[in-house]
N, C-alpha and C. Protein backbone atom coordinates (compact mmCIF):
# COMPACT_ATOMS: atom_id res chain seq x y z
N UNK A 1 15.77 239.70 67.26
CA UNK A 1 15.18 240.46 65.80
C UNK A 1 16.09 239.58 64.79
N UNK A 2 17.47 239.09 65.16
CA UNK A 2 17.86 238.88 64.07
C UNK A 2 17.38 237.25 63.56
N UNK A 3 16.82 236.30 64.34
CA UNK A 3 16.37 235.47 64.73
C UNK A 3 14.87 235.30 63.88
N UNK A 4 14.04 236.11 64.21
CA UNK A 4 13.12 236.72 63.51
C UNK A 4 13.04 236.84 62.06
N UNK A 5 14.05 237.85 61.80
CA UNK A 5 14.23 238.08 60.17
C UNK A 5 14.61 236.79 59.54
N UNK A 6 15.25 235.86 60.10
CA UNK A 6 16.28 234.97 59.25
C UNK A 6 15.09 233.75 59.31
N UNK A 7 14.11 233.50 60.44
CA UNK A 7 12.88 232.18 60.16
C UNK A 7 11.99 233.92 59.42
N UNK A 8 11.85 234.56 59.35
CA UNK A 8 11.00 235.38 58.08
C UNK A 8 11.56 234.90 56.73
N UNK A 9 12.72 235.04 56.18
CA UNK A 9 13.09 234.38 55.03
C UNK A 9 13.03 233.37 54.53
N UNK A 10 13.55 232.80 55.45
CA UNK A 10 13.53 231.30 54.95
C UNK A 10 11.89 230.54 54.76
N UNK A 11 10.58 231.38 55.70
CA UNK A 11 9.62 231.17 55.54
C UNK A 11 9.07 230.97 54.29
N UNK A 12 9.52 232.92 54.01
CA UNK A 12 8.87 233.24 52.38
C UNK A 12 10.10 232.76 51.34
N UNK A 13 11.04 232.16 51.71
CA UNK A 13 11.56 231.41 50.47
C UNK A 13 11.35 229.80 50.25
N UNK A 14 10.65 229.23 51.44
CA UNK A 14 9.85 228.11 51.35
C UNK A 14 8.70 227.99 51.01
N UNK A 15 8.11 229.29 51.49
CA UNK A 15 6.49 228.88 50.19
C UNK A 15 6.19 229.55 49.34
N UNK A 16 7.57 230.19 48.23
CA UNK A 16 7.38 230.69 47.11
C UNK A 16 8.14 230.00 46.57
N UNK A 17 8.82 229.20 46.95
CA UNK A 17 9.71 227.38 46.23
C UNK A 17 8.65 226.53 46.22
N UNK A 18 7.50 226.30 47.20
CA UNK A 18 6.70 225.59 46.78
C UNK A 18 5.47 225.71 45.96
N UNK A 19 5.03 227.70 45.69
CA UNK A 19 4.50 228.14 44.88
C UNK A 19 4.68 228.01 43.43
N UNK A 20 5.80 228.31 43.17
CA UNK A 20 6.45 228.52 41.69
C UNK A 20 7.41 226.93 41.45
N UNK A 21 7.48 225.90 42.25
CA UNK A 21 7.97 225.02 41.44
C UNK A 21 6.73 223.92 41.80
N UNK A 22 5.82 223.74 41.95
CA UNK A 22 4.68 222.61 41.75
C UNK A 22 4.66 222.41 39.93
N UNK A 23 4.60 221.23 39.82
CA UNK A 23 4.41 220.43 38.62
C UNK A 23 3.09 219.83 38.78
N UNK A 24 2.16 219.90 37.46
CA UNK A 24 0.87 219.52 37.69
C UNK A 24 1.32 217.64 37.39
N UNK A 25 0.31 217.00 38.26
CA UNK A 25 -0.29 215.32 38.36
C UNK A 25 -0.75 214.92 37.43
N UNK A 26 -0.74 213.71 37.16
CA UNK A 26 -1.26 213.04 36.03
C UNK A 26 -2.22 212.03 36.98
N UNK A 27 -3.63 212.05 35.99
CA UNK A 27 -4.12 211.20 36.63
C UNK A 27 -3.85 209.37 36.65
N UNK A 28 -2.81 208.83 35.52
CA UNK A 28 -2.98 207.76 35.55
C UNK A 28 -1.01 207.40 35.10
N UNK A 29 -0.27 207.35 36.31
CA UNK A 29 0.85 207.43 36.28
C UNK A 29 1.35 206.24 35.85
N UNK A 30 1.05 205.24 34.54
CA UNK A 30 1.67 204.32 34.69
C UNK A 30 3.49 204.57 33.68
N UNK A 31 4.00 203.43 33.70
CA UNK A 31 5.36 203.63 32.97
C UNK A 31 5.03 202.95 31.39
N UNK A 32 5.36 203.42 30.47
CA UNK A 32 5.20 203.33 29.08
C UNK A 32 5.47 201.87 28.69
N UNK A 33 6.20 201.27 29.10
CA UNK A 33 6.30 200.10 28.21
C UNK A 33 5.05 198.77 29.53
N UNK A 34 4.51 199.27 30.47
CA UNK A 34 3.54 198.41 30.60
C UNK A 34 2.04 199.00 29.96
N UNK A 35 2.04 199.72 28.56
CA UNK A 35 0.48 199.79 28.06
C UNK A 35 0.72 198.97 26.67
N UNK A 36 -0.67 198.34 26.57
CA UNK A 36 -0.74 197.45 25.66
C UNK A 36 -0.34 197.99 24.40
N UNK A 37 0.16 197.62 23.36
CA UNK A 37 -0.15 197.74 21.63
C UNK A 37 -1.27 197.41 20.64
N UNK A 38 -1.96 198.26 20.53
CA UNK A 38 -2.96 197.60 19.62
C UNK A 38 -2.26 197.97 18.10
N UNK A 39 -2.83 196.01 17.41
CA UNK A 39 -2.28 196.40 16.24
C UNK A 39 -3.52 195.53 15.50
N UNK A 40 -3.34 195.64 14.49
CA UNK A 40 -4.58 195.83 13.19
C UNK A 40 -3.96 195.19 12.06
N UNK A 41 -4.65 194.49 11.48
CA UNK A 41 -4.15 193.65 9.88
C UNK A 41 -5.49 193.14 9.43
N UNK A 42 -5.35 192.79 8.13
CA UNK A 42 -6.09 192.17 7.43
C UNK A 42 -6.68 191.22 7.09
N UNK A 43 -7.76 190.58 7.29
CA UNK A 43 -7.67 188.85 7.28
C UNK A 43 -9.06 188.63 6.32
N UNK A 44 -8.78 187.67 5.57
CA UNK A 44 -9.62 187.47 4.51
C UNK A 44 -10.62 186.16 5.43
N UNK A 45 -12.55 186.36 5.48
CA UNK A 45 -13.06 185.88 5.83
C UNK A 45 -14.02 185.19 5.22
N UNK A 46 -15.06 184.38 5.07
CA UNK A 46 -15.51 183.26 4.43
C UNK A 46 -17.16 183.18 4.58
N UNK A 47 -18.19 183.79 3.80
CA UNK A 47 -19.93 184.40 4.09
C UNK A 47 -20.14 183.24 3.16
N UNK A 48 -20.78 182.25 3.83
CA UNK A 48 -21.42 181.02 3.70
C UNK A 48 -23.00 181.51 2.77
N UNK A 49 -23.54 181.52 1.61
CA UNK A 49 -24.51 181.96 1.29
C UNK A 49 -25.62 180.25 0.88
N UNK A 50 -26.63 180.44 1.95
CA UNK A 50 -27.20 179.07 2.29
C UNK A 50 -28.40 179.67 1.90
N UNK A 51 -29.21 178.60 0.72
CA UNK A 51 -30.05 179.27 -0.08
C UNK A 51 -31.52 178.20 0.71
N UNK A 52 -31.94 178.38 1.24
CA UNK A 52 -33.47 177.91 2.03
C UNK A 52 -34.16 176.67 1.35
N UNK A 53 -34.24 177.48 0.42
CA UNK A 53 -35.38 176.64 -0.77
C UNK A 53 -34.41 175.42 -1.30
N UNK A 54 -33.22 175.56 -1.61
CA UNK A 54 -32.44 174.59 -2.35
C UNK A 54 -31.73 173.88 -1.20
N UNK A 55 -32.03 173.74 -0.01
CA UNK A 55 -30.62 172.70 0.50
C UNK A 55 -31.08 171.02 0.11
N UNK A 56 -30.15 170.00 0.19
CA UNK A 56 -30.78 168.78 -0.57
C UNK A 56 -31.38 168.04 0.21
N UNK A 57 -32.11 168.45 1.09
CA UNK A 57 -33.13 167.80 1.99
C UNK A 57 -34.86 168.77 1.72
N UNK A 58 -34.54 169.63 1.61
CA UNK A 58 -35.83 170.90 0.84
C UNK A 58 -36.80 170.45 0.65
N UNK A 59 -37.11 169.14 -0.09
CA UNK A 59 -38.13 168.55 -0.52
C UNK A 59 -38.95 167.64 0.33
N UNK A 60 -37.76 166.91 1.20
CA UNK A 60 -38.24 166.14 2.28
C UNK A 60 -38.73 166.85 3.33
N UNK A 61 -38.17 168.07 3.71
CA UNK A 61 -38.34 168.68 4.90
C UNK A 61 -39.41 169.53 4.64
N UNK A 62 -40.13 170.23 3.37
CA UNK A 62 -41.10 170.88 2.95
C UNK A 62 -42.32 169.80 3.07
N UNK A 63 -42.04 168.52 2.52
CA UNK A 63 -43.41 167.26 2.47
C UNK A 63 -43.66 167.06 3.88
N UNK A 64 -42.84 166.91 4.86
CA UNK A 64 -43.15 166.57 5.83
C UNK A 64 -43.95 167.77 6.64
N UNK A 65 -43.26 168.86 6.67
CA UNK A 65 -43.96 169.58 7.37
C UNK A 65 -45.58 169.59 7.15
N UNK A 66 -45.52 169.88 5.80
CA UNK A 66 -46.76 170.47 5.18
C UNK A 66 -47.68 169.06 5.33
N UNK A 67 -47.16 167.49 5.85
CA UNK A 67 -48.37 166.71 5.94
C UNK A 67 -48.76 166.57 6.97
N UNK A 68 -47.78 167.07 8.04
CA UNK A 68 -47.96 167.59 9.86
C UNK A 68 -49.12 168.92 9.67
N UNK A 69 -48.83 169.68 9.12
CA UNK A 69 -50.04 170.99 9.03
C UNK A 69 -51.51 169.79 8.36
N UNK A 70 -51.26 169.47 7.49
CA UNK A 70 -52.96 168.94 6.82
C UNK A 70 -53.26 167.95 7.93
N UNK A 71 -52.49 167.14 8.77
CA UNK A 71 -52.84 166.20 9.92
C UNK A 71 -53.61 166.83 11.30
N UNK A 72 -53.01 168.18 11.03
CA UNK A 72 -53.44 169.13 12.71
C UNK A 72 -54.30 170.15 11.72
N UNK A 73 -54.98 169.59 10.84
CA UNK A 73 -55.83 170.72 10.25
C UNK A 73 -55.38 172.03 9.94
N UNK A 74 -54.50 172.51 9.72
CA UNK A 74 -54.01 174.33 10.18
C UNK A 74 -54.52 174.75 8.49
N UNK A 75 -55.08 175.88 8.52
CA UNK A 75 -55.10 176.72 7.50
C UNK A 75 -54.30 176.68 6.37
N UNK A 76 -54.02 176.44 5.19
CA UNK A 76 -52.99 176.18 4.37
C UNK A 76 -52.53 177.90 4.01
N UNK A 77 -51.35 178.00 4.02
CA UNK A 77 -50.32 179.03 3.91
C UNK A 77 -49.00 178.83 3.48
N UNK A 78 -48.90 179.32 2.23
CA UNK A 78 -48.19 179.08 1.46
C UNK A 78 -46.45 179.66 2.20
N UNK A 79 -45.47 178.97 2.10
CA UNK A 79 -44.19 179.07 2.77
C UNK A 79 -42.90 180.35 1.76
N UNK A 80 -42.76 181.01 2.61
CA UNK A 80 -42.11 181.94 2.25
C UNK A 80 -41.14 181.59 1.42
N UNK A 81 -40.12 180.31 1.92
CA UNK A 81 -38.82 180.13 0.95
C UNK A 81 -39.06 179.86 -0.25
N UNK A 82 -39.97 179.06 -0.62
CA UNK A 82 -40.27 178.43 -1.97
C UNK A 82 -39.35 177.68 -2.46
N UNK A 83 -39.19 177.46 -3.89
CA UNK A 83 -38.25 176.26 -4.41
C UNK A 83 -38.79 175.10 -4.11
N UNK A 84 -37.92 174.23 -4.17
CA UNK A 84 -38.02 173.22 -3.66
C UNK A 84 -39.20 172.72 -2.16
N UNK A 85 -38.52 173.58 -1.25
CA UNK A 85 -39.13 173.26 0.33
C UNK A 85 -40.63 173.74 0.05
N UNK A 86 -41.12 174.81 -0.80
CA UNK A 86 -42.22 175.16 -1.25
C UNK A 86 -43.23 173.98 -1.77
N UNK A 87 -42.10 173.47 -2.66
CA UNK A 87 -43.02 172.26 -3.82
C UNK A 87 -43.09 171.42 -3.24
N UNK A 88 -42.24 170.58 -2.21
CA UNK A 88 -42.24 169.86 -0.93
C UNK A 88 -43.52 170.28 -0.22
N UNK A 89 -43.57 171.63 0.45
CA UNK A 89 -44.89 171.24 1.27
C UNK A 89 -46.14 171.26 0.63
N UNK A 90 -46.24 171.97 -0.85
CA UNK A 90 -47.34 172.14 -1.31
C UNK A 90 -48.00 170.45 -1.33
N UNK A 91 -47.02 169.46 -2.14
CA UNK A 91 -47.17 168.06 -2.20
C UNK A 91 -47.71 167.15 -0.87
N UNK A 92 -47.48 167.79 0.39
CA UNK A 92 -47.50 167.06 1.46
C UNK A 92 -48.78 167.51 1.66
N UNK A 93 -48.83 168.62 1.71
CA UNK A 93 -50.26 169.07 2.50
C UNK A 93 -51.55 169.17 1.49
N UNK A 94 -51.30 168.54 0.31
CA UNK A 94 -52.55 168.33 -0.46
C UNK A 94 -52.27 166.65 -0.65
N UNK A 95 -51.69 166.05 -0.13
CA UNK A 95 -51.42 164.49 -0.26
C UNK A 95 -51.52 164.44 -1.47
N UNK A 96 -50.28 164.49 -2.30
CA UNK A 96 -49.65 164.21 -3.32
C UNK A 96 -48.54 163.14 -3.53
N UNK A 97 -48.70 162.21 -3.99
CA UNK A 97 -47.37 161.59 -3.94
C UNK A 97 -45.88 161.94 -3.82
N UNK A 98 -45.18 161.62 -3.25
CA UNK A 98 -43.79 161.81 -2.61
C UNK A 98 -42.88 161.93 -4.11
N UNK A 99 -42.55 162.94 -4.46
CA UNK A 99 -41.51 163.46 -5.99
C UNK A 99 -40.33 163.18 -5.58
N UNK A 100 -39.74 163.66 -4.53
CA UNK A 100 -38.56 164.14 -4.51
C UNK A 100 -37.89 164.95 -4.81
N UNK A 101 -36.75 165.19 -4.73
CA UNK A 101 -35.99 166.37 -4.68
C UNK A 101 -35.66 166.44 -6.05
N UNK A 102 -36.20 167.93 -7.14
CA UNK A 102 -35.26 167.82 -8.23
C UNK A 102 -33.98 168.59 -8.84
N UNK A 103 -34.23 169.88 -8.16
CA UNK A 103 -32.88 170.55 -8.09
C UNK A 103 -32.32 170.80 -7.06
N UNK A 104 -31.01 170.81 -6.97
CA UNK A 104 -30.05 171.15 -6.25
C UNK A 104 -29.03 172.29 -6.34
N UNK A 105 -29.25 173.44 -5.36
CA UNK A 105 -28.32 174.36 -5.64
C UNK A 105 -27.50 174.35 -4.53
N UNK A 106 -25.81 174.09 -4.81
CA UNK A 106 -25.05 174.65 -3.84
C UNK A 106 -24.72 175.29 -2.84
N UNK A 107 -24.05 175.20 -1.80
CA UNK A 107 -23.95 176.49 -0.95
C UNK A 107 -23.00 177.65 -1.58
N UNK A 108 -22.75 178.69 -1.99
CA UNK A 108 -21.73 179.11 -2.04
C UNK A 108 -21.07 180.48 -1.58
N UNK A 109 -19.66 180.16 -1.37
CA UNK A 109 -19.06 180.71 -0.40
C UNK A 109 -18.57 182.14 -1.07
N UNK A 110 -18.78 182.66 -0.55
CA UNK A 110 -17.84 184.59 -1.07
C UNK A 110 -17.10 184.99 0.02
N UNK A 111 -16.24 185.79 -0.33
CA UNK A 111 -14.83 185.73 0.48
C UNK A 111 -15.24 187.54 0.69
N UNK A 112 -15.06 187.83 1.58
CA UNK A 112 -14.85 189.22 2.57
C UNK A 112 -13.06 189.28 2.64
N UNK A 113 -13.30 190.33 2.79
CA UNK A 113 -11.93 191.59 3.52
C UNK A 113 -12.08 191.86 5.14
N UNK A 114 -12.35 191.44 5.74
CA UNK A 114 -12.15 192.55 7.53
C UNK A 114 -11.02 192.61 8.08
N UNK A 115 -11.47 194.18 8.86
CA UNK A 115 -9.89 194.03 9.87
C UNK A 115 -9.94 193.16 11.08
N UNK A 116 -9.13 192.75 11.62
CA UNK A 116 -8.89 192.02 12.91
C UNK A 116 -8.23 192.55 13.92
N UNK A 117 -8.21 193.02 15.10
CA UNK A 117 -7.18 194.08 16.36
C UNK A 117 -6.99 193.28 16.75
N UNK A 118 -5.80 192.90 17.50
CA UNK A 118 -5.67 192.66 18.75
C UNK A 118 -4.83 193.23 20.08
N UNK A 119 -3.96 192.94 20.85
CA UNK A 119 -3.58 193.81 21.80
C UNK A 119 -2.45 192.93 21.92
N UNK A 120 -1.28 193.69 22.08
CA UNK A 120 0.29 192.72 22.34
C UNK A 120 1.06 193.19 23.19
């Protein structure tokens, strides 16, 4: 009888210990030092504002495309770029003499600030 009581008390104490001392588990139990650190810092980038109508070869490109359109007998459609390109296209399409580029507008570099992030 003494053995049954002793075994019962040990079983009861063990069961109570397991039920009361359980700790919640984590899905990813990685050590802290292996996690990457995210670091963000400002940086200056440059935007090149290109005007399609005024690049250095705009007139020549338009003239060539106008001549090709006229040669293929395509219907005239004014070009949306306008400027030197549109002038060259009109001259080439209608068979006028090559007049060359009149105006050259340089590309504009515009700075802007953005945030760049990396893992370290």
